Protein backbone atom coordinates (compact mmCIF):
# COMPACT_ATOMS: atom_id res chain seq x y z
CA MET A 1 91.90 106.46 92.88
CA LEU A 2 88.55 105.09 92.74
CA GLN A 3 87.40 101.79 93.49
CA LEU A 4 84.28 99.64 91.81
CA ARG A 5 82.85 97.02 93.73
CA LYS A 6 80.89 94.33 92.34
CA LYS A 7 77.29 95.12 93.33
CA ASN A 8 75.80 97.04 91.04
CA ASN A 9 79.23 98.55 90.38
CA PHE A 10 79.09 100.72 93.79
CA ARG A 11 81.85 103.22 93.45
CA LYS A 12 84.21 103.55 96.59
CA THR A 13 87.58 105.74 96.28
CA LEU A 14 91.18 107.42 95.89
CA LEU A 15 94.02 109.51 93.94
CA PHE A 16 97.63 111.12 92.62
CA GLY A 17 101.18 111.27 90.04
CA LEU A 18 103.16 111.74 85.72
CA CYS A 19 105.58 110.98 82.52
CA CYS A 20 107.22 112.41 79.48
CA PHE A 21 106.79 109.17 77.44
CA VAL A 22 103.33 108.22 76.55
CA SER A 23 103.21 105.25 74.76
CA SER A 24 99.52 105.62 72.21
CA PHE A 25 97.40 103.16 71.36
CA THR A 26 97.75 100.64 67.96
CA PRO A 27 95.65 98.27 66.38
CA PHE A 28 96.05 94.91 67.72
CA THR A 29 96.23 93.34 64.09
CA ASP A 30 100.25 93.88 64.55
CA PHE A 31 100.44 92.98 68.60
CA MET A 32 103.67 92.58 70.12
CA PRO A 33 103.29 92.29 73.96
CA VAL A 34 107.27 93.09 74.13
CA GLN A 35 106.88 96.44 72.81
CA MET A 36 105.07 99.86 73.02
CA SER A 37 103.94 101.45 69.87
CA GLU A 38 104.43 105.25 69.68
CA VAL A 39 102.00 105.54 66.45
CA GLN A 40 99.54 108.10 68.09
CA ALA A 41 95.71 106.54 67.87
CA ALA A 42 92.49 107.85 66.49
CA VAL A 43 90.14 108.13 68.99
CA PRO A 44 86.90 109.53 67.76
CA ASP A 45 85.49 112.16 69.84
CA HIS A 46 88.42 112.34 71.86
CA PRO A 47 91.25 113.76 69.50
CA GLN A 48 93.86 114.11 72.46
CA LEU A 49 93.32 110.93 74.09
CA ASN A 50 95.67 107.75 73.56
CA ILE A 51 94.44 104.61 74.68
CA ASN A 52 96.60 101.09 75.19
CA TRP A 53 97.75 98.58 77.70
CA ASN A 54 101.40 99.05 79.18
CA VAL A 55 103.75 96.03 80.03
CA ASN A 56 105.40 97.61 82.75
CA ILE A 57 102.24 98.25 84.76
CA GLU A 58 101.10 94.51 83.82
CA THR A 59 104.35 93.23 85.12
CA VAL A 60 104.43 95.03 88.54
CA TYR A 61 101.09 94.28 89.08
CA ILE A 62 101.61 90.20 88.39
CA ILE A 63 104.37 90.85 90.77
CA ALA A 64 101.74 92.52 93.47
CA HIS A 65 99.33 89.58 93.36
CA LEU A 66 101.98 87.23 94.03
CA SER A 67 103.50 89.10 97.15
CA HIS A 68 99.35 88.04 98.41
CA PHE A 69 99.86 91.68 100.09
CA TYR A 70 95.99 92.37 98.83
CA PRO A 71 93.88 88.89 100.11
CA ALA A 72 92.88 86.82 97.17
CA ARG A 73 89.00 87.09 96.35
CA GLU A 74 87.25 84.11 94.26
CA ASP A 75 85.11 86.91 92.37
CA ALA A 76 87.78 88.29 90.82
CA HIS A 77 88.81 89.09 86.93
CA PRO A 78 89.79 85.25 85.81
CA LEU A 79 93.32 86.64 85.18
CA PHE A 80 94.24 86.65 88.72
CA LYS A 81 93.85 82.65 88.78
CA GLU A 82 96.06 82.65 85.92
CA VAL A 83 98.70 84.34 87.24
CA GLU A 84 98.85 82.68 90.67
CA LYS A 85 98.91 79.37 88.68
CA ASP A 86 101.73 80.39 85.44
CA PHE A 87 104.06 82.72 87.92
CA SER A 88 103.92 80.34 90.78
CA ALA A 89 107.44 79.27 90.83
CA PHE A 90 108.55 83.20 90.83
CA ALA A 91 106.66 83.56 94.23
CA GLN A 92 109.79 83.70 95.99
CA HIS A 93 111.20 86.04 93.38
CA PRO A 94 113.58 88.71 94.83
CA ALA A 95 111.24 91.33 92.94
CA VAL A 96 108.11 89.81 94.63
CA LEU A 97 109.71 89.98 98.43
CA HIS A 98 110.90 93.69 97.87
CA ALA A 99 107.52 94.60 96.64
CA ALA A 100 105.82 93.22 99.71
CA GLN A 101 108.43 94.98 101.89
CA LEU A 102 107.86 98.22 100.15
CA MET A 103 104.01 97.80 100.39
CA GLU A 104 103.87 97.36 103.87
CA SER A 105 105.80 100.74 104.08
CA GLY A 106 103.29 102.48 102.07
CA LEU A 107 103.40 102.07 98.54
CA THR A 108 100.03 101.27 98.15
CA TYR A 109 97.28 102.56 95.54
CA ASP A 110 97.84 105.17 93.87
CA ARG A 111 101.51 105.64 94.64
CA PHE A 112 102.10 101.99 93.72
CA ALA A 113 100.27 102.52 90.26
CA ILE A 114 102.79 105.56 89.47
CA PHE A 115 106.03 103.89 89.84
CA PRO A 116 106.35 101.94 86.40
CA LEU A 117 105.20 104.97 84.58
CA TYR A 118 108.67 106.49 85.20
CA PHE A 119 110.36 103.94 83.09
CA SER A 120 110.27 102.94 79.16
CA PRO A 121 108.40 99.86 78.61
CA LEU A 122 109.80 96.81 79.83
CA PRO A 123 112.58 94.93 78.78
CA GLU A 124 114.45 98.25 78.56
CA GLY A 125 112.96 100.01 81.37
CA ARG A 126 114.55 103.02 81.18
CA GLN A 127 114.32 105.86 83.95
CA LEU A 128 112.86 108.95 82.14
CA ASN A 129 111.83 111.00 85.13
CA THR A 130 112.90 111.72 88.89
CA PHE A 131 110.69 110.17 91.32
CA LYS A 132 107.86 112.50 93.09
CA GLU A 133 108.77 113.44 96.67
CA SER A 134 105.73 111.43 97.70
CA LEU A 135 107.54 108.12 96.50
CA LEU A 136 110.62 108.93 98.38
CA LYS A 137 108.90 109.76 101.80
CA ILE A 138 107.99 105.79 101.53
CA ALA A 139 112.02 104.53 100.47
CA PRO A 140 115.18 105.65 99.34
CA GLN A 141 116.09 106.43 95.72
CA ALA A 142 118.34 103.56 95.43
CA GLU A 143 115.92 101.41 96.96
CA PHE A 144 113.45 102.34 94.10
CA LEU A 145 116.14 101.66 91.43
CA GLN A 146 117.06 98.04 93.50
CA TRP A 147 113.39 97.06 93.09
CA TRP A 148 113.31 97.94 89.69
CA HIS A 149 116.50 96.09 88.67
CA GLU A 150 114.51 92.98 89.83
CA ILE A 151 111.42 94.08 88.31
CA LYS A 152 113.34 93.64 85.14
CA ASP A 153 115.02 90.34 86.06
CA PHE A 154 111.31 88.98 86.77
CA HIS A 155 109.93 90.28 83.56
CA ARG A 156 113.01 88.49 81.79
CA GLU A 157 113.32 85.38 83.82
CA ALA A 158 108.97 84.92 84.48
CA GLY A 159 108.74 85.44 80.45
CA VAL A 160 105.97 88.27 81.21
CA ASP A 161 106.15 89.22 77.35
CA THR A 162 105.68 85.45 76.41
CA TRP A 163 102.57 85.42 78.86
CA LEU A 164 100.98 88.65 77.53
CA LYS A 165 101.27 87.47 73.76
CA ARG A 166 99.76 84.37 74.91
CA HIS A 167 96.44 86.62 76.12
CA GLN A 168 96.53 88.67 73.04
CA ALA A 169 93.13 87.99 72.25
CA PHE A 170 91.71 89.20 75.38
CA TYR A 171 93.53 92.58 75.39
CA GLN A 172 92.30 93.08 71.60
CA ARG A 173 88.54 92.09 72.69
CA SER A 174 89.23 94.25 75.43
CA ASN A 175 90.67 97.70 73.43
CA GLN A 176 87.47 97.10 71.17
CA GLU A 177 84.85 96.87 74.70
CA LEU A 178 86.41 100.16 75.58
CA HIS A 179 86.36 101.84 72.52
CA GLN A 180 83.06 101.24 72.16
CA ALA A 181 82.12 102.36 75.22
CA LEU A 182 83.94 105.87 75.40
CA PRO A 183 81.49 108.60 75.90
CA LYS A 184 80.82 110.66 72.62
CA GLN A 185 81.81 114.11 74.82
CA ASP A 186 85.22 114.96 74.98
CA ILE A 187 85.60 114.54 78.64
CA ILE A 188 89.22 116.13 78.33
CA ALA A 189 88.01 118.94 76.70
CA MET A 190 85.26 119.32 79.37
CA HIS A 191 88.11 119.20 81.98
CA GLU A 192 90.18 121.79 80.38
CA SER A 193 87.38 124.28 79.89
CA TYR A 194 86.35 124.07 83.22
CA HIS A 195 89.80 124.35 84.72
CA ARG A 196 91.11 126.84 82.53
CA LYS A 197 94.34 124.52 82.17
CA LYS A 198 95.99 122.38 79.97
CA PHE A 199 98.51 119.44 80.15
CA LYS A 200 100.85 118.12 77.61
CA ALA A 201 99.14 114.24 77.19
CA TYR A 202 96.48 112.34 78.37
CA GLN A 203 97.07 108.59 78.28
CA LEU A 204 94.78 105.75 79.27
CA TYR A 205 95.88 102.54 80.20
CA PHE A 206 93.44 99.44 80.87
CA SER A 207 94.11 96.45 82.64
CA PRO A 208 92.71 93.57 84.07
CA LEU A 209 95.17 93.12 87.10
CA LEU A 210 94.83 96.11 88.97
CA LEU A 211 94.93 95.70 92.70
CA PRO A 212 92.86 96.05 95.17
CA VAL A 213 90.05 94.59 93.10
CA GLY A 214 88.09 97.10 91.71
CA GLY A 215 90.93 99.34 91.76
CA ASN A 216 91.34 102.51 89.18
CA TYR A 217 93.88 105.35 89.39
CA GLY A 218 94.61 108.88 87.93
CA PRO A 219 98.18 109.54 88.27
CA SER A 220 100.49 112.02 86.87
CA ILE A 221 104.03 112.92 86.01
CA THR A 222 105.98 116.12 85.22
CA ASN A 223 109.22 115.81 83.34
CA SER A 224 112.30 118.22 83.81
CA LYS A 225 110.67 121.08 81.71
CA GLY A 226 107.49 121.47 83.52
CA GLU A 227 105.61 119.45 81.23
CA SER A 228 102.57 117.33 82.53
CA THR A 229 101.34 114.00 81.25
CA VAL A 230 97.84 112.56 82.67
CA TYR A 231 97.33 109.17 83.24
CA GLN A 232 94.01 107.04 83.85
CA LEU A 233 94.76 103.52 84.89
CA LEU A 234 91.48 101.79 84.22
CA GLY A 235 90.56 98.51 85.61
CA PRO A 236 87.29 96.55 84.42
CA SER A 237 83.72 96.51 85.66
CA PHE A 238 81.73 93.21 86.54
CA ASP A 239 79.03 92.61 84.20
CA GLU A 240 76.31 90.88 87.04
CA THR A 241 73.87 89.71 84.17
CA LYS A 242 76.67 87.91 81.94
CA ASN A 243 78.64 86.71 85.22
CA GLN A 244 82.12 87.97 84.02
CA TRP A 245 84.33 91.35 84.09
CA PHE A 246 84.59 93.31 81.19
CA PHE A 247 85.66 96.89 79.80
CA GLY A 248 82.38 98.34 78.41
CA HIS A 249 80.36 99.54 80.80
CA SER A 250 79.94 102.90 79.27
CA GLU A 251 78.39 104.53 82.35
CA ASP A 252 81.20 103.48 84.34
CA ILE A 253 83.65 104.75 81.95
CA LEU A 254 82.06 107.95 82.12
CA TYR A 255 82.32 107.94 85.76
CA LEU A 256 85.80 107.05 85.73
CA MET A 257 87.27 109.34 82.91
CA LEU A 258 85.95 112.52 84.72
CA HIS A 259 86.97 111.38 87.86
CA GLU A 260 90.66 109.76 87.74
CA PHE A 261 91.49 112.82 84.98
CA GLY A 262 90.10 115.32 87.31
CA HIS A 263 92.47 114.71 89.99
CA SER A 264 94.81 115.71 87.68
CA PHE A 265 93.61 119.10 87.89
CA CYS A 266 92.00 119.39 91.42
CA ASN A 267 94.89 117.88 93.22
CA PRO A 268 97.57 121.08 92.53
CA VAL A 269 94.67 123.00 93.75
CA LEU A 270 94.90 121.67 97.80
CA ASP A 271 98.44 121.63 97.63
CA SER A 272 98.94 125.35 97.64
CA ASN A 273 96.01 125.95 100.28
CA GLU A 274 96.98 122.97 102.60
CA SER A 275 97.50 125.37 106.09
CA THR A 276 94.22 127.37 105.39
CA LEU A 277 92.30 124.00 104.76
CA TYR A 278 93.48 122.35 108.52
CA ARG A 279 91.76 124.83 110.50
CA TYR A 280 88.78 122.74 109.48
CA TYR A 281 90.29 119.85 110.74
CA TYR A 282 87.96 119.42 113.35
CA LEU A 283 85.36 118.20 110.79
CA PHE A 284 86.92 115.34 109.68
CA LEU A 285 87.14 113.55 113.33
CA PRO A 286 83.51 112.09 112.90
CA LEU A 287 83.78 111.24 109.11
CA GLN A 288 87.19 109.33 109.60
CA ALA A 289 86.26 105.96 110.12
CA GLN A 290 83.89 106.44 107.40
CA MET A 291 86.31 107.70 105.00
CA ARG A 292 89.31 105.50 106.09
CA ARG A 293 87.18 102.49 104.85
CA GLN A 294 87.52 103.93 101.64
CA GLY A 295 91.20 104.70 101.36
CA TYR A 296 91.49 108.64 102.88
CA SER A 297 93.32 108.36 105.95
CA ASN A 298 93.76 111.93 106.32
CA TRP A 299 92.00 115.20 105.79
CA ALA A 300 94.07 116.34 102.85
CA SER A 301 92.73 113.14 100.94
CA VAL A 302 89.25 113.58 101.86
CA ASN A 303 89.65 117.37 100.48
CA TYR A 304 91.53 115.69 97.12
CA GLU A 305 88.30 113.89 96.90
CA LEU A 306 85.79 116.59 98.11
CA LEU A 307 86.88 118.85 95.31
CA ASN A 308 87.48 116.48 92.44
CA ARG A 309 83.97 115.15 93.02
CA SER A 310 82.54 118.65 93.63
CA VAL A 311 84.08 119.70 90.23
CA HIS A 312 82.62 116.21 88.76
CA ALA A 313 79.24 117.07 90.00
CA ARG A 314 79.37 120.76 88.25
CA LEU A 315 80.55 118.88 84.94
CA LEU A 316 77.18 116.45 84.95
CA LEU A 317 74.82 119.36 85.41
CA LYS A 318 76.64 121.47 82.37
CA TYR A 319 76.74 118.38 79.58
CA TYR A 320 74.28 115.69 81.46
CA GLY A 321 71.76 117.63 83.20
CA LYS A 322 70.51 118.33 86.36
CA GLU A 323 68.90 114.79 86.88
CA ALA A 324 72.38 113.38 86.44
CA TYR A 325 73.82 116.26 88.76
CA GLU A 326 71.37 115.35 91.63
CA LYS A 327 71.99 111.98 91.23
CA HIS A 328 76.09 112.13 92.01
CA LEU A 329 75.68 114.71 94.81
CA GLN A 330 73.34 111.89 96.53
CA GLU A 331 75.33 108.96 95.78
CA GLU A 332 78.42 111.09 97.18
CA GLU A 333 76.84 112.34 100.54
CA ASN A 334 75.71 108.63 101.28
CA ASN A 335 79.50 108.19 100.59
CA GLY A 336 80.17 110.76 103.41
CA PHE A 337 81.06 113.56 101.53
CA VAL A 338 78.56 115.48 103.66
CA PHE A 339 79.95 118.98 102.24
CA ILE A 340 79.54 118.59 98.51
CA ARG A 341 76.40 119.92 98.14
CA HIS A 342 78.10 123.37 99.28
CA PHE A 343 81.13 122.89 97.69
CA ALA A 344 79.22 122.30 94.39
CA LYS A 345 76.74 125.02 94.81
CA ARG A 346 79.57 127.59 95.32
CA LEU A 347 81.43 126.81 92.45
CA ALA A 348 78.56 128.27 90.16
CA GLU A 349 80.48 131.60 91.52
CA PHE A 350 83.51 130.33 89.95
CA GLU A 351 82.16 129.62 86.39
CA LYS A 352 80.45 133.04 86.44
CA ASN A 353 83.38 135.24 87.26
CA THR A 354 86.24 134.03 84.77
CA GLN A 355 88.16 137.51 85.12
CA LYS A 356 88.08 137.25 88.88
CA TYR A 357 89.21 133.98 89.47
CA PRO A 358 91.38 133.18 86.12
CA HIS A 359 91.72 129.33 87.42
CA LEU A 360 90.46 127.31 90.39
CA GLU A 361 93.37 127.89 92.66
CA SER A 362 92.80 131.55 92.90
CA PHE A 363 88.94 130.55 93.86
CA TYR A 364 89.54 128.08 96.23
CA PRO A 365 90.22 130.28 99.26
CA GLU A 366 86.61 131.19 98.74
CA LEU A 367 85.30 127.61 98.14
CA ILE A 368 86.65 126.34 101.73
CA GLN A 369 84.57 129.14 103.31
CA GLU A 370 81.81 126.91 103.19
CA PHE A 371 83.29 124.79 105.94
CA LYS A 372 81.78 127.49 108.25
CA HIS A 373 78.38 126.24 107.60
CA PHE A 374 79.08 122.59 109.77
CA THR A 375 79.84 122.16 112.94
CA VAL A 376 80.54 119.11 115.55
CA GLY A 377 77.97 117.80 117.68
CA ILE A 378 76.43 114.86 119.26
CA THR A 379 73.20 113.18 117.42
CA GLU A 380 71.14 110.06 118.12
CA ILE A 381 69.76 108.98 114.49
CA PRO A 382 68.84 105.05 113.64
CA GLN A 383 71.52 102.79 113.05
CA ALA A 384 72.41 103.35 109.56
CA SER A 385 74.67 100.28 108.61
CA LEU A 386 74.77 96.48 109.56
CA GLY A 387 78.57 97.17 109.32
CA LEU A 388 79.97 94.17 107.83
CA TRP A 389 82.22 93.04 104.80
CA ALA A 390 82.56 89.84 103.48
CA ARG A 391 84.17 87.77 100.64
CA GLU A 392 83.33 84.41 99.07
CA GLU A 393 85.60 81.35 100.44
CA LYS A 394 85.19 77.98 99.79
CA GLY A 395 81.43 78.15 98.92
CA HIS A 396 80.71 80.17 101.68
CA ILE A 397 80.19 83.81 103.06
CA LYS A 398 82.81 84.76 105.39
CA ILE A 399 82.97 87.92 107.70
CA ASP A 400 86.02 89.64 106.81
CA GLY A 401 85.52 92.94 108.43
CA MET A 402 83.61 94.70 111.12
CA ASP A 403 82.50 98.27 112.08
CA LYS A 404 82.79 98.17 115.86
CA ILE A 405 79.39 100.80 116.00
CA GLY A 406 77.85 98.62 113.44
CA ALA A 407 74.53 96.30 114.00
CA GLY A 408 76.39 93.32 113.31
CA PHE A 409 79.21 93.56 115.63
CA LEU A 410 76.83 95.28 118.30
CA SER A 411 74.68 92.06 118.65
CA GLY A 412 77.63 89.83 118.57
CA ILE A 413 78.58 88.80 114.74
CA GLN A 414 82.26 88.50 114.90
CA ASP A 415 84.97 88.32 112.40
CA GLY A 416 85.83 85.26 111.03
CA ASP A 417 82.06 83.82 111.30
CA ILE A 418 80.61 82.08 108.09
CA LEU A 419 77.36 83.36 107.32
CA LEU A 420 74.72 80.67 106.79
CA SER A 421 71.65 82.25 106.84
CA ILE A 422 69.41 85.63 107.71
CA ASP A 423 65.25 85.33 108.51
CA GLY A 424 65.97 81.28 107.17
CA GLN A 425 67.43 82.12 103.51
CA ALA A 426 70.27 80.89 102.61
CA ILE A 427 73.04 83.08 101.80
CA GLN A 428 75.67 81.85 99.62
CA LYS A 429 76.37 85.02 97.58
CA THR A 430 78.17 88.35 98.79
CA LYS A 431 76.06 90.09 96.51
CA GLN A 432 72.87 89.33 98.77
CA LEU A 433 74.44 90.09 101.91
CA GLU A 434 75.05 93.35 100.17
CA ALA A 435 71.34 93.99 99.07
CA LEU A 436 70.38 93.29 102.68
CA MET A 437 72.92 96.05 103.83
CA GLU A 438 71.72 98.45 101.43
CA ALA A 439 68.53 97.65 102.82
CA TRP A 440 68.98 98.01 106.08
CA SER A 441 68.80 101.69 106.12
CA THR A 442 65.05 101.34 105.25
CA TYR A 443 64.32 99.20 108.33
CA PRO A 444 62.65 100.84 111.30
CA VAL A 445 64.02 100.99 114.69
CA GLY A 446 63.65 97.76 116.50
CA LYS A 447 63.66 95.86 113.38
CA GLN A 448 65.63 92.42 113.93
CA LEU A 449 66.96 89.68 111.57
CA ARG A 450 68.16 86.10 112.57
CA PHE A 451 71.43 85.46 111.52
CA LYS A 452 72.62 81.95 111.63
CA ILE A 453 76.11 81.55 111.77
CA LEU A 454 79.27 78.99 111.97
CA ARG A 455 81.53 79.77 114.29
CA GLU A 456 84.33 77.06 115.40
CA ASN A 457 82.31 74.60 113.88
CA GLN A 458 79.23 75.22 116.19
CA GLU A 459 75.77 76.80 114.59
CA LYS A 460 74.70 79.51 116.27
CA GLU A 461 71.63 82.07 115.85
CA ILE A 462 71.95 85.85 116.88
CA MET A 463 69.36 88.18 116.80
CA VAL A 464 70.42 91.39 115.38
CA THR A 465 68.55 94.64 115.95
CA LYS A 466 68.41 98.29 114.83
CA GLU A 467 68.66 100.51 117.45
CA LEU A 468 69.08 104.36 118.04
CA ALA A 469 72.62 105.16 118.06
CA LYS A 470 74.30 108.33 119.52
CA GLU A 471 77.45 109.52 117.73
CA ILE A 472 79.74 112.17 116.65
CA ALA A 473 78.78 113.64 113.90
CA VAL A 474 79.47 116.90 111.02
CA LEU A 475 75.94 118.93 111.49
CA GLU A 476 74.94 121.75 109.22
CA ILE A 477 74.55 125.25 111.02
CA LYS A 478 71.05 126.16 109.78
CA GLN A 479 70.64 129.65 109.20
């Protein structure tokens, strides 16, 4: 999965899954939310790609929103508020209560996104393929089928089709925006050429309702014949100039098509090399806090991302030039993927030796030797982050997350504080705080900022100081 944040569409991250039923895009002149057309779309420059919305996806994310598993955000897409208003009478529906239980058990992010794709479009909702083992580790098949039965009841009783039909103008406009913003290059052909493999079909579903806000996913499902369909679930981007969400951000769409479709090509490579990979688990320990904030809770998930983003870099180099390649590497290093430059450079060997390495699986044991260029040690560096997360709530900025080794927490700011001003400047939007957090890395050691906060109805001033900090870090071994 990859998550886009509002601020300059800043990219965070995630992954997985697949299905033999593929519903292709149809023009919206005959828009019927109760059905999914099976007429193949003609997508210029992307002949293998089908684009549409999916009634199953919209239904389960309406249910997810009503469960309140993910905290509500005032800056979310306007349709979320309509969901809350229009479906409030169904907040205690069995499908909603069961969804909350399953999400507490781990049915989140990509695993939640893939579930409705195992079934034909509602209201029929017939199971088409067997569930992946990764789903059945969360709950037994019987429980998932019971939940799906409740989802079908919710879809009928809550009038989801009627609600979607009422919003047909939005879906039509979103479809047009997306088509106009598609990259000219055939992204599917780029992946197939690089990986030297193909899948049965490629389906892009767009949705304004994906959770958490800003989430994007790349699941796949394999049928009983071993044929795989690769999906991309695409959420909207935020246009700060117009202060609105939309599906027409060409840079984000290019990034997400490279990233999310890439997971279905890259993830199986790691699955067959996991035991070797875990020889280098110690390298994860200094990175785990930063990685977990992005949704990568273990060494395997970090490496799914590392390989995918390294291949992404190579595709940018080949099709978009060195400047795009370097920019991508720098962004991913800033995100904590400290090994990516070594991996991307080593992939050139795979590209040149097609006979020796017929596919990426055969080259991966060589690629992970790059971990030998790194070790773990203690280093002293300037605090890189304020370590604060915040949301807009009732006209205020409320701190709702803290990095315990960040400058904010160490200086005395607490979770739940209302942020009033910084150095005398009123803070009323999260983007103001995000801009300050980006600038923090450029400040010298000793720099101080005066935070005025409201805590338990009392105003307080706290001086936040940038200091040198000792930390366990991944260090490159210099030759």
